[in-house]
Amino acid sequence: MTSNTVFVAGVGMTPFGRHMDKSIRELTRDAVQAALADAQAAPAWLQGAFFANSTQGHMDGQHMIRGQLALGDIGGVPVVNVENACASASTAFHLAVNYVRAGAADIVLAVGAEKMYSADKARSFSAFDGAWDVHDTEAGKARLLAMGRGIEPPPGSMSTRPYSVFMDIYAAMGRLHMRRYGTTQRQFAAVSAKNHAHSVHNPLAQYRDAYTVEQILAAAPITYPLTLPMCSPISDGAAAAIVCSEAGLARLGTARQRAVRVLASVLQTGSDRPADALERHLVRLGAAKAYEQAGVGPEDISVAEVHDATAIGEILQSEVLGLCPPGEGGPRAERGETRIGGRIPINPSGGLESKGHPIGATGLGQIFELVAQLRGEAGARQVEGARIAIAENGGGLRGVEEAVACITLLGR
């Protein structure tokens, strides 16, 4: 075992959902306390903290020192604030891993927290408006929506109620996939039905109701081919992880037996590639680096948590991660291969569609789930024999793809 081996020694997570009665500081405290208890670590042992949050500046005007305030209960710890759109929490984790790997500390905290619910719904939906180039909004929107040309939305398949413009963009990506590979709306619905079924067994999920494919197809439309259950909700919540070196792990007593190894952590920035150049997709490039770093391939993956801000996203990510060939994501989901018990279970937590999507906490919510899976502690949603896990968390938009993505590989 090399001296720069990095471990996840503890994880903690609040329920994701509506927390109108809790502040960012309270949510952060709950997740951090749970992670410390899980690691059997004292707050005084922390030698650094990376705090992820994306929307607090927009929601309540706290544009600076968010982490120093949210982590005020832990005195004296150096705090770094991290903002990387919906990939903020996985980026905080990436920075914590590399901080430890560089020898700067032995026990470090990565935590993400978000409060997105507001009595002012327009304010909640507009939290995403800064996640693309605000100086190029109209041209950018036209470029993105052009991907959906060639598939005409049926009458009545567009919502008259407000929703995030990102749903229009995901829908355009979905229609491009439909045109290119023959993917069907029913296959997107199969992804959603699978994730909602998984979330029934996740006590921390925002939504825990199962739906059939037919119910999802018949649900309220958002923007074709998306219906409401295929889309992630607005969420509040927090998640945290204790990251440590071998020396740090040696201080944690019996918690050492439950530690999970970080096999790879890669941060990839998007490009201005053409829409049809999927071989240059940032997640495909980042995943290749992660597999090389870990010395494994996609065929070795036991379980995956991917960024399904919509069901369309899960199909796209399953392909660019190499978990299935291009164009096969939809058929494989429809055949049940991505369910728990299937060939490659994806989003056993319920994914963003069901578990929730408090964007500054989302990536660490994925880490929480995969650590539980690798420990064999996921209960009724356990993936049998899970040994190697992958998380993919994307954020923002640049050109026709995410502005940033973080790929994490974990193993026992």
Protein backbone atom coordinates (compact mmCIF):
# COMPACT_ATOMS: atom_id res chain seq x y z
CA MET A 1 0.00 0.00 0.00
CA THR A 2 1.55 3.29 -1.04
CA SER A 3 2.05 6.20 1.31
CA ASN A 4 -0.28 8.44 -0.68
CA THR A 5 -3.26 6.07 -0.43
CA VAL A 6 -6.38 8.06 0.51
CA PHE A 7 -9.43 6.75 2.33
CA VAL A 8 -12.98 7.79 3.11
CA ALA A 9 -13.26 7.01 6.81
CA GLY A 10 -16.71 8.45 7.50
CA VAL A 11 -19.75 9.86 5.74
CA GLY A 12 -22.86 11.72 6.84
CA MET A 13 -25.94 13.07 5.12
CA THR A 14 -29.16 14.82 6.06
CA PRO A 15 -32.44 13.86 4.44
CA PHE A 16 -32.75 15.72 1.15
CA GLY A 17 -35.98 17.66 0.67
CA ARG A 18 -37.69 20.75 2.06
CA HIS A 19 -36.04 22.16 5.19
CA MET A 20 -37.71 25.54 5.64
CA ASP A 21 -37.02 25.45 9.39
CA LYS A 22 -33.27 24.81 9.13
CA SER A 23 -30.41 27.11 8.17
CA ILE A 24 -27.36 26.28 6.06
CA ARG A 25 -25.36 26.18 9.28
CA GLU A 26 -27.76 23.70 10.91
CA LEU A 27 -27.81 21.39 7.87
CA THR A 28 -24.02 21.53 7.68
CA ARG A 29 -23.69 20.76 11.38
CA ASP A 30 -25.98 17.72 11.09
CA ALA A 31 -24.05 16.23 8.16
CA VAL A 32 -20.63 16.94 9.69
CA GLN A 33 -21.58 15.48 13.07
CA ALA A 34 -22.85 12.34 11.36
CA ALA A 35 -19.64 11.98 9.32
CA LEU A 36 -17.42 12.51 12.36
CA ALA A 37 -19.41 9.94 14.35
CA ASP A 38 -19.19 7.49 11.46
CA ALA A 39 -15.40 7.93 11.36
CA GLN A 40 -15.11 7.88 15.17
CA ALA A 41 -13.22 11.16 14.87
CA ALA A 42 -13.22 14.27 17.03
CA PRO A 43 -13.71 17.72 15.46
CA ALA A 44 -10.33 18.77 16.85
CA TRP A 45 -8.64 16.17 14.65
CA LEU A 46 -9.69 17.94 11.44
CA GLN A 47 -6.77 19.69 9.73
CA GLY A 48 -8.72 21.29 6.91
CA ALA A 49 -12.22 21.68 5.48
CA PHE A 50 -13.54 22.19 1.95
CA PHE A 51 -17.06 23.63 1.98
CA ALA A 52 -19.25 23.44 -1.14
CA ASN A 53 -22.22 25.70 -1.83
CA SER A 54 -23.59 27.22 -5.03
CA THR A 55 -26.74 29.23 -4.37
CA GLN A 56 -26.54 30.93 -0.99
CA GLY A 57 -25.32 34.16 -2.55
CA HIS A 58 -28.30 34.17 -4.89
CA MET A 59 -30.84 33.01 -2.32
CA ASP A 60 -29.97 35.18 0.67
CA GLY A 61 -27.06 37.45 -0.31
CA GLN A 62 -24.29 35.54 1.50
CA HIS A 63 -21.81 35.82 -1.35
CA MET A 64 -18.64 35.29 0.70
CA ILE A 65 -17.24 33.39 3.74
CA ARG A 66 -20.05 30.84 3.54
CA GLY A 67 -17.94 27.95 4.79
CA GLN A 68 -16.40 29.90 7.63
CA LEU A 69 -19.91 30.73 8.85
CA ALA A 70 -21.45 27.30 8.20
CA LEU A 71 -18.57 25.57 9.99
CA GLY A 72 -18.47 28.03 12.86
CA ASP A 73 -19.02 25.21 15.36
CA ILE A 74 -15.59 23.80 14.43
CA GLY A 75 -13.08 26.38 15.55
CA GLY A 76 -9.61 26.84 14.10
CA VAL A 77 -9.94 24.64 11.02
CA PRO A 78 -8.68 26.15 7.74
CA VAL A 79 -11.72 26.44 5.46
CA VAL A 80 -11.78 26.67 1.65
CA ASN A 81 -15.01 27.70 -0.07
CA VAL A 82 -15.83 25.75 -3.24
CA GLU A 83 -18.28 26.75 -5.97
CA ASN A 84 -18.43 24.65 -9.14
CA ALA A 85 -22.15 24.70 -10.00
CA CYS A 86 -23.82 21.30 -9.53
CA ALA A 87 -20.37 19.69 -9.26
CA SER A 88 -19.42 21.77 -6.20
CA ALA A 89 -19.57 18.95 -3.64
CA SER A 90 -17.61 16.45 -5.73
CA THR A 91 -15.07 19.19 -6.39
CA ALA A 92 -14.74 19.78 -2.63
CA PHE A 93 -14.16 16.04 -2.25
CA HIS A 94 -11.59 16.10 -5.09
CA LEU A 95 -9.72 18.94 -3.38
CA ALA A 96 -9.81 17.16 -0.02
CA VAL A 97 -8.42 13.98 -1.60
CA ASN A 98 -5.57 15.84 -3.26
CA TYR A 99 -4.84 17.89 -0.12
CA VAL A 100 -4.34 14.64 1.78
CA ARG A 101 -2.50 12.99 -1.11
CA ALA A 102 -0.07 15.92 -1.23
CA GLY A 103 0.78 15.41 2.45
CA ALA A 104 -0.70 18.71 3.61
CA ALA A 105 -2.96 16.98 6.16
CA ASP A 106 -3.95 13.56 7.46
CA ILE A 107 -7.64 14.09 8.29
CA VAL A 108 -9.76 16.49 6.22
CA LEU A 109 -13.46 17.30 5.89
CA ALA A 110 -15.35 17.71 2.61
CA VAL A 111 -18.90 19.01 3.07
CA GLY A 112 -21.59 20.47 0.85
CA ALA A 113 -24.82 22.19 1.86
CA GLU A 114 -27.62 23.94 0.02
CA LYS A 115 -30.97 25.60 0.75
CA MET A 116 -32.88 26.14 -2.48
CA TYR A 117 -36.48 26.18 -1.31
CA SER A 118 -38.10 29.59 -1.02
CA ALA A 119 -41.62 30.93 -0.74
CA ASP A 120 -40.58 32.87 -3.86
CA LYS A 121 -40.59 30.08 -6.48
CA ALA A 122 -39.16 32.37 -9.15
CA ARG A 123 -36.11 32.92 -6.95
CA SER A 124 -35.63 29.16 -6.54
CA PHE A 125 -35.84 28.46 -10.28
CA SER A 126 -33.57 31.39 -11.16
CA ALA A 127 -30.79 29.96 -8.93
CA PHE A 128 -29.56 28.12 -12.03
CA ASP A 129 -29.36 31.22 -14.25
CA GLY A 130 -25.69 31.82 -13.51
CA ALA A 131 -24.61 28.29 -14.45
CA TRP A 132 -23.91 29.24 -18.06
CA ASP A 133 -22.46 32.26 -19.86
CA VAL A 134 -24.73 35.15 -18.83
CA HIS A 135 -23.14 37.31 -21.51
CA ASP A 136 -24.18 34.90 -24.25
CA THR A 137 -27.59 33.76 -23.01
CA GLU A 138 -29.69 34.01 -26.17
CA ALA A 139 -27.02 32.65 -28.51
CA GLY A 140 -26.19 29.91 -26.00
CA LYS A 141 -29.81 28.91 -25.62
CA ALA A 142 -30.29 28.80 -29.39
CA ARG A 143 -27.16 26.65 -29.79
CA LEU A 144 -28.29 24.21 -27.12
CA LEU A 145 -31.91 23.95 -28.21
CA ALA A 146 -30.80 23.35 -31.80
CA MET A 147 -29.72 19.87 -30.67
CA GLY A 148 -33.39 18.92 -30.42
CA ARG A 149 -34.29 19.72 -34.02
CA GLY A 150 -35.73 16.90 -36.06
CA ILE A 151 -37.96 15.51 -33.29
CA GLU A 152 -41.22 17.42 -33.11
CA PRO A 153 -42.78 17.57 -29.61
CA PRO A 154 -46.33 16.16 -29.69
CA PRO A 155 -49.22 18.49 -28.85
CA GLY A 156 -49.72 18.91 -25.11
CA SER A 157 -46.21 17.73 -24.20
CA MET A 158 -44.96 21.11 -22.93
CA SER A 159 -45.74 22.56 -19.50
CA THR A 160 -47.43 25.93 -19.13
CA ARG A 161 -46.05 26.24 -15.57
CA PRO A 162 -42.59 27.68 -14.78
CA TYR A 163 -39.56 25.37 -14.67
CA SER A 164 -35.80 25.68 -15.07
CA VAL A 165 -34.46 26.39 -18.57
CA PHE A 166 -32.06 23.51 -17.95
CA MET A 167 -34.98 21.14 -18.48
CA ASP A 168 -35.36 22.52 -22.02
CA ILE A 169 -31.66 21.87 -22.56
CA TYR A 170 -31.83 18.31 -21.25
CA ALA A 171 -34.87 17.73 -23.46
CA ALA A 172 -32.90 18.95 -26.48
CA MET A 173 -30.08 16.54 -25.60
CA GLY A 174 -32.66 13.78 -25.29
CA ARG A 175 -34.21 14.51 -28.67
CA LEU A 176 -30.71 14.49 -30.22
CA HIS A 177 -30.20 11.04 -28.69
CA MET A 178 -33.59 9.91 -30.00
CA ARG A 179 -32.75 11.08 -33.49
CA ARG A 180 -29.26 9.61 -33.50
CA TYR A 181 -29.86 6.25 -31.81
CA GLY A 182 -33.60 5.61 -31.90
CA THR A 183 -33.96 6.06 -28.13
CA THR A 184 -37.61 6.30 -27.07
CA GLN A 185 -39.53 8.29 -24.49
CA ARG A 186 -40.50 4.97 -22.94
CA GLN A 187 -36.83 4.16 -22.32
CA PHE A 188 -36.37 7.48 -20.52
CA ALA A 189 -39.45 6.61 -18.47
CA ALA A 190 -37.92 3.20 -17.66
CA VAL A 191 -34.91 4.98 -16.12
CA SER A 192 -37.21 7.14 -14.02
CA ALA A 193 -39.35 4.19 -12.89
CA LYS A 194 -36.21 2.32 -11.86
CA ASN A 195 -34.86 5.25 -9.84
CA HIS A 196 -38.15 5.90 -8.08
CA ALA A 197 -38.31 2.19 -7.20
CA HIS A 198 -34.80 2.37 -5.74
CA SER A 199 -35.68 5.43 -3.64
CA VAL A 200 -38.44 3.55 -1.83
CA HIS A 201 -35.66 1.92 0.19
CA ASN A 202 -33.66 5.11 0.84
CA PRO A 203 -34.78 6.78 4.09
CA LEU A 204 -32.88 9.97 3.19
CA ALA A 205 -34.50 10.41 -0.25
CA GLN A 206 -36.75 13.36 -0.99
CA TYR A 207 -39.31 11.18 -2.79
CA ARG A 208 -40.00 7.55 -1.87
CA ASP A 209 -42.95 6.60 -4.05
CA ALA A 210 -42.69 3.98 -6.79
CA TYR A 211 -44.13 4.61 -10.26
CA THR A 212 -44.71 2.38 -13.24
CA VAL A 213 -43.43 3.32 -16.68
CA GLU A 214 -47.03 3.99 -17.72
CA GLN A 215 -47.59 6.34 -14.78
CA ILE A 216 -44.45 8.28 -15.63
CA LEU A 217 -45.45 8.61 -19.28
CA ALA A 218 -48.91 9.82 -18.21
CA ALA A 219 -47.56 12.31 -15.65
CA ALA A 220 -47.62 16.09 -16.06
CA PRO A 221 -45.43 17.14 -19.01
CA ILE A 222 -42.42 19.39 -18.53
CA THR A 223 -40.87 19.60 -22.01
CA TYR A 224 -40.82 16.68 -24.43
CA PRO A 225 -39.71 13.98 -23.84
CA LEU A 226 -39.62 14.84 -20.13
CA THR A 227 -42.49 14.43 -17.70
CA LEU A 228 -42.39 15.57 -14.08
CA PRO A 229 -41.11 12.33 -12.44
CA MET A 230 -38.21 12.24 -14.93
CA CYS A 231 -36.81 15.52 -13.52
CA SER A 232 -34.87 16.25 -10.35
CA PRO A 233 -36.61 18.53 -7.85
CA ILE A 234 -35.46 21.64 -6.02
CA SER A 235 -33.94 20.44 -2.76
CA ASP A 236 -32.33 21.42 0.54
CA GLY A 237 -29.76 19.25 2.29
CA ALA A 238 -26.16 18.57 3.24
CA ALA A 239 -23.65 15.72 2.94
CA ALA A 240 -20.11 15.25 4.25
CA ALA A 241 -17.11 12.93 4.13
CA ILE A 242 -14.02 12.48 6.29
CA VAL A 243 -11.00 11.96 4.03
CA CYS A 244 -7.74 10.71 5.49
CA SER A 245 -4.29 9.27 4.85
CA GLU A 246 -2.98 5.99 6.24
CA ALA A 247 -1.57 7.91 9.20
CA GLY A 248 -4.92 9.59 9.79
CA LEU A 249 -6.74 6.30 9.45
CA ALA A 250 -4.53 4.75 12.11
CA ARG A 251 -5.99 7.20 14.65
CA LEU A 252 -9.57 6.14 14.07
CA GLY A 253 -9.79 2.86 15.97
CA THR A 254 -12.40 0.39 14.76
CA ALA A 255 -13.55 2.79 12.02
CA ARG A 256 -10.50 1.61 10.06
CA GLN A 257 -12.26 -1.65 9.27
CA ARG A 258 -15.00 0.22 7.38
CA ALA A 259 -12.79 2.64 5.45
CA VAL A 260 -13.15 2.83 1.67
CA ARG A 261 -10.22 3.55 -0.65
CA VAL A 262 -10.25 6.41 -3.13
CA LEU A 263 -9.00 4.76 -6.32
CA ALA A 264 -9.24 7.85 -8.53
CA SER A 265 -10.52 11.41 -8.52
CA VAL A 266 -10.55 13.41 -11.75
CA LEU A 267 -11.87 16.89 -12.48
CA GLN A 268 -12.55 17.64 -16.15
CA THR A 269 -13.56 20.93 -17.77
CA GLY A 270 -15.92 21.11 -20.74
CA SER A 271 -15.00 22.35 -24.20
CA ASP A 272 -16.60 23.94 -27.25
CA ARG A 273 -16.84 20.61 -29.10
CA PRO A 274 -19.54 20.09 -31.78
CA ALA A 275 -22.73 18.44 -30.49
CA ASP A 276 -22.15 15.24 -32.44
CA ALA A 277 -18.50 14.79 -31.31
CA LEU A 278 -19.43 12.59 -28.34
CA GLU A 279 -16.00 10.97 -28.38
CA ARG A 280 -14.79 14.33 -27.02
CA HIS A 281 -17.47 14.54 -24.30
CA LEU A 282 -15.84 15.79 -21.10
CA VAL A 283 -17.12 12.82 -19.06
CA ARG A 284 -15.70 10.36 -21.60
CA LEU A 285 -12.32 12.12 -21.33
CA GLY A 286 -12.46 12.37 -17.54
CA ALA A 287 -13.56 8.76 -17.13
CA ALA A 288 -10.65 7.54 -19.27
CA LYS A 289 -8.25 9.37 -16.95
CA ALA A 290 -9.99 7.97 -13.86
CA TYR A 291 -9.88 4.38 -15.12
CA GLU A 292 -6.18 4.75 -15.94
CA GLN A 293 -5.47 6.29 -12.54
CA ALA A 294 -7.28 3.44 -10.76
CA GLY A 295 -5.94 0.66 -12.99
CA VAL A 296 -9.45 -0.63 -13.74
CA GLY A 297 -11.92 -0.46 -16.63
CA PRO A 298 -15.66 0.12 -16.94
CA GLU A 299 -16.15 -3.66 -17.01
CA ASP A 300 -14.88 -3.76 -13.39
CA ILE A 301 -17.54 -1.40 -12.02
CA SER A 302 -20.00 -2.93 -9.55
CA VAL A 303 -22.27 0.08 -8.98
CA ALA A 304 -22.59 3.66 -10.22
CA GLU A 305 -24.11 6.94 -9.08
CA VAL A 306 -24.48 9.33 -12.02
CA HIS A 307 -25.80 12.85 -12.47
CA ASP A 308 -29.40 12.27 -13.52
CA ALA A 309 -30.76 15.81 -13.24
CA THR A 310 -33.18 14.17 -15.67
CA ALA A 311 -33.63 10.57 -16.82
CA ILE A 312 -32.03 11.66 -20.08
CA GLY A 313 -28.86 12.48 -18.17
CA GLU A 314 -28.57 8.96 -16.78
CA ILE A 315 -28.70 7.39 -20.23
CA LEU A 316 -26.13 9.85 -21.61
CA GLN A 317 -23.76 9.36 -18.68
CA SER A 318 -24.01 5.57 -18.70
CA GLU A 319 -22.72 5.67 -22.27
CA VAL A 320 -19.93 8.25 -21.95
CA LEU A 321 -18.69 6.51 -18.78
CA GLY A 322 -18.27 3.36 -20.90
CA LEU A 323 -20.76 1.36 -18.85
CA CYS A 324 -22.49 0.51 -22.12
CA PRO A 325 -21.88 1.27 -25.83
CA PRO A 326 -23.25 4.48 -27.40
CA GLY A 327 -26.97 4.13 -28.08
CA GLU A 328 -27.38 1.18 -25.70
CA GLY A 329 -28.23 3.15 -22.56
CA GLY A 330 -31.94 3.27 -23.34
CA PRO A 331 -32.45 -0.37 -24.34
CA ARG A 332 -30.44 -1.62 -21.38
CA ALA A 333 -32.46 0.48 -18.96
CA GLU A 334 -35.69 -0.81 -20.53
CA ARG A 335 -34.46 -4.40 -20.12
CA GLY A 336 -33.80 -3.82 -16.42
CA GLU A 337 -30.00 -4.16 -16.62
CA THR A 338 -29.43 -1.00 -14.56
CA ARG A 339 -31.69 -2.00 -11.69
CA ILE A 340 -30.40 -3.38 -8.40
CA GLY A 341 -29.82 -7.03 -9.27
CA GLY A 342 -29.12 -6.14 -12.90
CA ARG A 343 -25.85 -6.30 -14.80
CA ILE A 344 -24.70 -2.81 -13.70
CA PRO A 345 -26.90 -1.10 -11.07
CA ILE A 346 -27.04 2.66 -11.59
CA ASN A 347 -28.32 5.10 -8.97
CA PRO A 348 -29.36 2.64 -6.25
CA SER A 349 -29.96 5.71 -4.07
CA GLY A 350 -32.79 6.78 -6.35
CA GLY A 351 -30.59 9.30 -8.11
CA LEU A 352 -31.18 13.01 -8.31
CA GLU A 353 -34.68 12.39 -9.70
CA SER A 354 -35.85 10.81 -6.43
CA LYS A 355 -33.18 11.31 -3.78
CA GLY A 356 -33.11 15.05 -4.53
CA HIS A 357 -30.63 17.57 -5.91
CA PRO A 358 -29.42 20.24 -3.43
CA ILE A 359 -26.76 21.21 -5.91
CA GLY A 360 -23.97 22.16 -3.49
CA ALA A 361 -24.39 18.83 -1.65
CA THR A 362 -25.24 16.48 -4.53
CA GLY A 363 -21.79 15.08 -5.27
CA LEU A 364 -21.14 14.18 -1.64
CA GLY A 365 -24.60 12.60 -1.53
CA GLN A 366 -23.31 10.27 -4.25
CA ILE A 367 -20.19 9.50 -2.19
CA PHE A 368 -22.38 8.76 0.84
CA GLU A 369 -24.34 6.19 -1.16
CA LEU A 370 -21.34 4.49 -2.71
CA VAL A 371 -19.51 4.22 0.60
CA ALA A 372 -22.60 2.51 2.06
CA GLN A 373 -22.71 0.16 -0.93
CA LEU A 374 -19.03 -0.79 -0.68
CA ARG A 375 -19.36 -1.40 3.05
CA GLY A 376 -22.39 -3.62 2.48
CA GLU A 377 -24.50 -1.28 4.62
CA ALA A 378 -27.18 -0.18 2.12
CA GLY A 379 -29.92 -2.44 3.43
CA ALA A 380 -32.76 -3.23 1.03
CA ARG A 381 -31.02 -1.33 -1.79
CA GLN A 382 -27.70 -3.16 -1.38
CA VAL A 383 -25.89 -4.18 -4.55
CA GLU A 384 -24.63 -7.67 -3.86
CA GLY A 385 -20.85 -8.04 -3.87
CA ALA A 386 -20.10 -4.37 -4.63
CA ARG A 387 -16.32 -3.92 -4.84
CA ILE A 388 -15.63 -0.97 -7.17
CA ALA A 389 -17.91 2.06 -7.50
CA ILE A 390 -17.97 5.10 -9.76
CA ALA A 391 -19.57 8.51 -9.25
CA GLU A 392 -20.10 11.10 -11.98
CA ASN A 393 -21.21 14.61 -11.02
CA GLY A 394 -21.52 17.41 -13.58
CA GLY A 395 -22.14 21.11 -13.31
CA GLY A 396 -23.10 24.10 -15.42
CA LEU A 397 -23.01 24.38 -19.18
CA ARG A 398 -20.30 25.31 -21.64
CA GLY A 399 -21.04 24.99 -25.32
CA VAL A 400 -23.20 21.88 -25.70
CA GLU A 401 -22.03 20.00 -22.60
CA GLU A 402 -21.38 20.42 -18.90
CA ALA A 403 -18.88 23.08 -17.91
CA VAL A 404 -17.27 20.72 -15.41
CA ALA A 405 -17.50 17.09 -14.31
CA CYS A 406 -15.91 15.17 -11.49
CA ILE A 407 -15.32 11.41 -11.76
CA THR A 408 -14.62 9.45 -8.58
CA LEU A 409 -13.69 5.78 -8.26
CA LEU A 410 -13.93 4.06 -4.87
CA GLY A 411 -13.06 0.52 -3.86
CA ARG A 412 -12.79 -1.90 -0.97
